[in-house]
């Protein structure tokens, strides 16, 4: 069941979203060669709690971290730990914050020091794919219009779209209906109506789209070992167009 949110509820999600974005911006400033993903996780939890929020991911279905930290060929769901980041790595960072009973969720993929042109191009195309999807968040459009826009942009740049994981509705729960795939034909799926709030999150691979789960039963890797990037925003469907709730000042 798709739960549409009131203006008051959307404002609550936006307050959580401001903490999410500020946390991601803080982590982007702190990331450097030699730091561990566990250190980034502790920084994030401290920041979120100081801002009055709760790390949504911590304890979710047993997940031990406050953030997901996924380097290089790890697509999503990386458990923060002792692994040190190295010059040239890329790191997907996914943050969820609960505040006043409502959740916001966003992700970025960050460069660790100087990265290759190939990696830079992947990050740029993945973020562009996210924004192409958000442009379709208009009243009367359908979820498939978002999905199609993401896929077309990513594939036009020569990349592949992960198909086994999707975006989702968000509100009082982190994962609500509807699912928001990053692929598929336009004009399909639920109609976009005012008050819907969606977490749109392209996961784009440099190589093939196939993925596999790691030994810890959480981390998802590209099957061919190629780099993967992940960007995400929480977006409200409004009469004035899409409102990105995980941007500072929105």
Protein backbone atom coordinates (compact mmCIF):
# COMPACT_ATOMS: atom_id res chain seq x y z
CA UNK A 1 0.00 0.00 0.00
CA UNK A 2 1.34 3.42 -0.99
CA UNK A 3 1.12 5.90 1.88
CA UNK A 4 0.83 9.52 0.78
CA UNK A 5 2.20 12.08 3.19
CA UNK A 6 0.68 15.34 4.39
CA UNK A 7 2.54 18.65 4.19
CA UNK A 8 3.39 18.32 7.89
CA UNK A 9 4.79 14.83 7.38
CA UNK A 10 6.86 15.94 4.39
CA UNK A 11 8.36 18.72 6.50
CA UNK A 12 9.35 16.15 9.12
CA UNK A 13 11.06 14.04 6.46
CA UNK A 14 12.78 17.19 5.19
CA UNK A 15 14.19 17.89 8.67
CA UNK A 16 15.59 14.36 8.78
CA UNK A 17 16.84 14.88 5.23
CA UNK A 18 18.77 17.99 6.20
CA UNK A 19 20.68 15.93 8.79
CA UNK A 20 21.33 13.22 6.19
CA UNK A 21 22.79 15.71 3.73
CA UNK A 22 24.85 17.52 6.38
CA UNK A 23 26.21 14.16 7.53
CA UNK A 24 27.17 13.17 3.98
CA UNK A 25 28.84 16.54 3.46
CA UNK A 26 30.78 16.09 6.69
CA UNK A 27 31.95 12.63 5.65
CA UNK A 28 33.02 13.97 2.25
CA UNK A 29 35.29 16.43 4.04
CA UNK A 30 36.76 13.73 6.30
CA UNK A 31 37.37 10.99 3.76
CA UNK A 32 41.05 10.49 2.92
CA UNK A 33 43.54 7.69 2.32
CA UNK A 34 44.27 5.78 5.51
CA UNK A 35 40.97 6.37 7.26
CA UNK A 36 38.86 3.30 8.03
CA UNK A 37 35.21 2.86 7.21
CA UNK A 38 34.66 2.19 10.90
CA UNK A 39 36.03 5.62 11.76
CA UNK A 40 33.66 7.20 9.26
CA UNK A 41 30.80 5.25 10.80
CA UNK A 42 31.59 6.53 14.28
CA UNK A 43 31.82 10.11 12.99
CA UNK A 44 28.44 9.73 11.31
CA UNK A 45 26.69 8.31 14.35
CA UNK A 46 28.06 11.04 16.59
CA UNK A 47 27.00 13.72 14.12
CA UNK A 48 23.48 12.33 13.62
CA UNK A 49 22.82 12.04 17.35
CA UNK A 50 24.21 15.51 18.06
CA UNK A 51 21.75 16.88 15.50
CA UNK A 52 18.84 15.21 17.28
CA UNK A 53 18.37 12.28 14.92
CA UNK A 54 18.77 8.52 15.16
CA UNK A 55 20.81 6.42 12.68
CA UNK A 56 18.07 4.49 10.89
CA UNK A 57 20.33 1.73 9.66
CA UNK A 58 21.80 0.77 13.04
CA UNK A 59 20.14 -2.44 14.14
CA UNK A 60 17.90 -2.60 11.07
CA UNK A 61 17.42 -6.34 10.50
CA UNK A 62 20.62 -6.76 12.51
CA UNK A 63 22.82 -4.36 10.51
CA UNK A 64 25.63 -3.26 12.86
CA UNK A 65 26.58 0.10 11.35
CA UNK A 66 25.12 3.60 11.29
CA UNK A 67 26.08 3.97 7.62
CA UNK A 68 26.63 1.64 4.71
CA UNK A 69 30.18 2.02 3.38
CA UNK A 70 30.77 0.23 0.07
CA UNK A 71 34.15 0.57 -1.70
CA UNK A 72 35.02 -0.01 -5.35
CA UNK A 73 33.29 -3.19 -6.63
CA UNK A 74 30.95 -3.34 -3.62
CA UNK A 75 27.62 -2.02 -4.83
CA UNK A 76 25.78 -1.43 -1.52
CA UNK A 77 25.28 -2.58 2.08
CA UNK A 78 28.92 -2.55 3.15
CA UNK A 79 29.42 -3.00 6.89
CA UNK A 80 31.86 -0.39 8.25
CA UNK A 81 34.95 -1.85 9.86
CA UNK A 82 38.73 -1.93 10.03
CA UNK A 83 39.44 -1.74 6.31
CA UNK A 84 41.55 1.32 5.44
CA UNK A 85 40.71 3.35 2.38
CA UNK A 86 43.45 3.80 -0.21
CA UNK A 87 44.32 6.50 -2.69
CA UNK A 88 42.23 6.00 -5.82
CA UNK A 89 39.37 4.13 -4.13
CA UNK A 90 35.76 5.15 -4.51
CA UNK A 91 33.39 4.71 -1.58
CA UNK A 92 29.62 4.55 -1.69
CA UNK A 93 28.22 6.05 1.52
CA UNK A 94 24.53 5.55 2.35
CA UNK A 95 22.98 7.36 5.33
CA UNK A 96 19.52 7.12 6.86
CA UNK A 97 18.20 9.33 9.65
CA UNK A 98 15.03 9.00 11.70
CA UNK A 99 13.69 12.15 13.35
CA UNK A 100 10.28 12.65 14.95
CA UNK A 101 9.31 9.22 13.68
CA UNK A 102 10.09 9.88 10.00
CA UNK A 103 12.95 8.64 7.84
CA UNK A 104 15.11 10.26 5.14
CA UNK A 105 17.64 8.31 3.11
CA UNK A 106 20.40 9.40 0.72
CA UNK A 107 23.69 8.18 -0.70
CA UNK A 108 26.74 9.47 -2.55
CA UNK A 109 29.84 7.85 -3.96
CA UNK A 110 33.00 9.67 -2.92
CA UNK A 111 36.52 9.80 -4.28
CA UNK A 112 39.38 8.86 -1.98
CA UNK A 113 42.18 11.20 -3.01
CA UNK A 114 42.84 11.25 -6.75
CA UNK A 115 40.78 8.74 -8.71
CA UNK A 116 41.02 7.58 -12.30
CA UNK A 117 39.21 9.31 -15.13
CA UNK A 118 37.25 6.10 -15.62
CA UNK A 119 36.00 6.28 -12.03
CA UNK A 120 35.25 10.01 -12.30
CA UNK A 121 33.14 9.39 -15.39
CA UNK A 122 31.21 6.60 -13.65
CA UNK A 123 30.42 8.80 -10.64
CA UNK A 124 29.29 11.67 -12.84
CA UNK A 125 27.05 9.48 -14.99
CA UNK A 126 25.46 7.82 -11.96
CA UNK A 127 24.62 11.14 -10.33
CA UNK A 128 23.28 12.41 -13.64
CA UNK A 129 21.11 9.29 -13.90
CA UNK A 130 19.65 10.06 -10.48
CA UNK A 131 18.79 13.59 -11.53
CA UNK A 132 17.25 12.36 -14.80
CA UNK A 133 15.01 10.11 -12.72
CA UNK A 134 14.05 12.94 -10.38
CA UNK A 135 13.06 15.10 -13.37
CA UNK A 136 10.31 12.55 -14.04
CA UNK A 137 8.79 12.93 -10.56
CA UNK A 138 5.79 14.86 -11.87
CA UNK A 139 2.10 14.47 -11.08
CA UNK A 140 0.49 12.07 -13.52
CA UNK A 141 3.71 10.36 -14.51
CA UNK A 142 4.32 6.80 -13.43
CA UNK A 143 7.08 5.09 -11.50
CA UNK A 144 8.23 3.50 -14.75
CA UNK A 145 8.99 6.95 -16.16
CA UNK A 146 11.57 7.40 -13.38
CA UNK A 147 12.98 3.93 -14.00
CA UNK A 148 13.24 4.42 -17.74
CA UNK A 149 14.97 7.79 -17.45
CA UNK A 150 17.63 6.34 -15.14
CA UNK A 151 18.27 3.36 -17.39
CA UNK A 152 18.41 5.32 -20.62
CA UNK A 153 20.94 7.82 -19.30
CA UNK A 154 23.20 5.20 -17.71
CA UNK A 155 23.16 2.91 -20.73
CA UNK A 156 23.70 5.81 -23.14
CA UNK A 157 27.00 6.36 -21.33
CA UNK A 158 27.98 2.71 -21.73
CA UNK A 159 27.22 1.54 -18.18
CA UNK A 160 24.89 -1.14 -16.81
CA UNK A 161 22.10 -0.79 -14.28
CA UNK A 162 21.80 -3.14 -11.29
CA UNK A 163 18.39 -4.80 -11.63
CA UNK A 164 18.15 -6.91 -8.50
CA UNK A 165 17.90 -3.93 -6.11
CA UNK A 166 15.56 -0.98 -6.35
CA UNK A 167 14.54 2.30 -4.77
CA UNK A 168 11.48 2.53 -2.57
CA UNK A 169 8.91 4.63 -0.82
CA UNK A 170 9.96 6.14 2.50
CA UNK A 171 8.15 7.67 5.47
CA UNK A 172 7.59 6.27 8.94
CA UNK A 173 9.35 3.14 7.68
CA UNK A 174 12.60 3.08 5.71
CA UNK A 175 11.17 0.78 3.07
CA UNK A 176 7.61 1.42 1.96
CA UNK A 177 5.68 0.90 -1.26
CA UNK A 178 6.16 1.43 -4.12
CA UNK A 179 9.35 -0.15 -5.35
CA UNK A 180 11.25 2.15 -7.71
CA UNK A 181 13.36 0.13 -10.18
CA UNK A 182 16.20 1.76 -12.08
CA UNK A 183 15.21 0.10 -15.35
CA UNK A 184 12.16 -0.71 -17.42
CA UNK A 185 9.68 0.77 -19.90
CA UNK A 186 8.06 4.17 -19.38
CA UNK A 187 4.38 4.56 -18.57
CA UNK A 188 4.27 1.53 -16.26
CA UNK A 189 3.73 1.15 -12.53
CA UNK A 190 1.85 3.27 -9.98
CA UNK A 191 0.82 6.79 -10.92
CA UNK A 192 2.76 9.54 -9.17
CA UNK A 193 0.39 11.45 -6.89
CA UNK A 194 0.85 14.38 -4.57
CA UNK A 195 2.26 13.36 -1.19
CA UNK A 196 4.19 10.32 -2.36
CA UNK A 197 7.77 10.27 -1.06
CA UNK A 198 10.33 8.14 -2.88
CA UNK A 199 13.94 7.15 -2.30
CA UNK A 200 15.39 7.06 -5.82
CA UNK A 201 18.78 5.34 -5.93
CA UNK A 202 20.56 4.30 -9.12
CA UNK A 203 23.25 1.65 -8.68
CA UNK A 204 25.36 1.71 -11.83
CA UNK A 205 28.21 -0.63 -12.80
CA UNK A 206 31.19 -0.05 -15.03
CA UNK A 207 30.89 -3.64 -16.25
CA UNK A 208 27.94 -6.04 -16.30
CA UNK A 209 24.76 -5.66 -14.27
CA UNK A 210 25.08 -8.98 -12.44
CA UNK A 211 25.81 -8.88 -8.70
CA UNK A 212 26.45 -11.39 -5.93
CA UNK A 213 26.19 -11.35 -2.16
CA UNK A 214 29.31 -11.44 0.00
CA UNK A 215 30.28 -13.82 2.75
CA UNK A 216 28.83 -11.59 5.47
CA UNK A 217 25.36 -11.90 3.87
CA UNK A 218 25.10 -8.11 3.65
CA UNK A 219 27.54 -6.68 1.11
CA UNK A 220 26.58 -6.86 -2.55
CA UNK A 221 29.40 -6.96 -5.13
CA UNK A 222 29.57 -6.71 -8.90
CA UNK A 223 29.93 -10.24 -10.20
CA UNK A 224 32.71 -9.28 -12.62
CA UNK A 225 34.66 -7.19 -10.10
CA UNK A 226 34.01 -3.91 -11.92
CA UNK A 227 33.54 -0.59 -10.16
CA UNK A 228 30.07 0.41 -9.02
CA UNK A 229 28.58 3.77 -8.00
CA UNK A 230 25.47 4.61 -5.97
CA UNK A 231 23.66 7.93 -5.58
CA UNK A 232 20.33 8.49 -3.83
CA UNK A 233 17.89 11.24 -2.83
CA UNK A 234 14.61 11.23 -0.95
CA UNK A 235 12.09 13.07 -3.13
CA UNK A 236 8.54 14.28 -2.48
CA UNK A 237 5.99 14.46 -5.29
CA UNK A 238 4.32 17.89 -5.11
CA UNK A 239 2.01 20.01 -7.24
CA UNK A 240 5.01 22.24 -8.00
CA UNK A 241 7.19 19.35 -9.14
CA UNK A 242 9.77 17.16 -7.40
CA UNK A 243 11.07 18.39 -4.05
CA UNK A 244 14.39 16.88 -3.03
CA UNK A 245 14.25 16.45 0.74
CA UNK A 246 17.88 15.46 1.20
CA UNK A 247 19.39 18.79 0.19
CA UNK A 248 20.52 21.37 2.74
CA UNK A 249 18.19 24.33 2.79
CA UNK A 250 15.24 22.60 1.11
